[in-house]
Amino acid sequence: MKLRGVVLRDRDTDVQLDAADWRVIRVWEHEDPNDAADRIHRLVLERTDSPASPPPHWSGTT
């Protein structure tokens, strides 16, 4: 099954990136771009000591 191969490849890629201290963030084409930007912003803040600038559309509510 082709999908199974893609899933296995993605999991292997995730493991390799994690080992290199990268954080994998998947944004799907059906997701609202603002929601995705907010999610990414929160994840960046979790990984840094200093706050990052919020996404341009950010209203201050999450």
Protein backbone atom coordinates (compact mmCIF):
# COMPACT_ATOMS: atom_id res chain seq x y z
CA MET A 1 0.00 0.00 0.00
CA LYS A 2 1.51 3.33 -1.06
CA LEU A 3 0.20 5.29 1.95
CA ARG A 4 1.89 2.89 4.37
CA GLY A 5 5.22 3.49 2.65
CA VAL A 6 4.79 7.26 2.90
CA VAL A 7 3.88 7.03 6.60
CA LEU A 8 6.91 4.85 7.32
CA ARG A 9 9.19 7.21 5.39
CA ASP A 10 7.81 10.22 7.30
CA ARG A 11 8.33 8.50 10.65
CA ASP A 12 11.92 7.64 9.70
CA THR A 13 12.50 11.26 8.65
CA ASP A 14 11.04 12.47 11.96
CA VAL A 15 13.44 10.22 13.91
CA GLN A 16 16.43 11.47 11.93
CA LEU A 17 15.46 15.13 12.33
CA ASP A 18 14.77 14.66 16.04
CA ALA A 19 18.22 13.12 16.45
CA ALA A 20 19.65 16.30 14.87
CA ASP A 21 17.65 18.39 17.40
CA TRP A 22 15.16 19.60 14.81
CA ARG A 23 11.47 19.94 15.58
CA VAL A 24 9.08 18.64 12.93
CA ILE A 25 5.95 20.72 12.44
CA ARG A 26 3.48 19.58 9.82
CA VAL A 27 1.04 22.07 8.36
CA TRP A 28 -1.57 20.51 6.12
CA GLU A 29 -3.06 22.33 3.16
CA HIS A 30 -6.56 22.18 4.68
CA GLU A 31 -5.44 23.96 7.89
CA ASP A 32 -6.23 27.62 8.42
CA PRO A 33 -2.95 29.50 7.86
CA ASN A 34 -3.53 31.74 10.88
CA ASP A 35 -4.13 28.75 13.13
CA ALA A 36 -0.96 27.11 11.81
CA ALA A 37 1.04 30.31 12.40
CA ASP A 38 -0.28 30.53 15.96
CA ARG A 39 0.66 26.90 16.61
CA ILE A 40 4.17 27.43 15.25
CA HIS A 41 4.56 30.62 17.28
CA ARG A 42 3.61 28.82 20.50
CA LEU A 43 6.07 26.01 19.73
CA VAL A 44 8.87 28.52 19.08
CA LEU A 45 8.15 30.23 22.40
CA GLU A 46 8.32 26.88 24.18
CA ARG A 47 11.80 26.24 22.78
CA THR A 48 13.36 29.66 23.31
CA ASP A 49 14.21 31.73 26.35
CA SER A 50 13.31 35.02 24.70
CA PRO A 51 9.91 35.69 23.15
CA ALA A 52 9.73 35.72 19.38
CA SER A 53 7.77 38.31 17.48
CA PRO A 54 4.19 37.14 17.00
CA PRO A 55 2.84 36.33 13.55
CA PRO A 56 1.70 39.48 11.67
CA HIS A 57 -2.00 38.65 12.09
CA TRP A 58 -1.65 37.90 15.80
CA SER A 59 -4.35 39.56 17.88
CA GLY A 60 -2.98 38.68 21.30
CA THR A 61 -5.53 35.94 21.93
CA THR A 62 -4.79 32.25 21.65
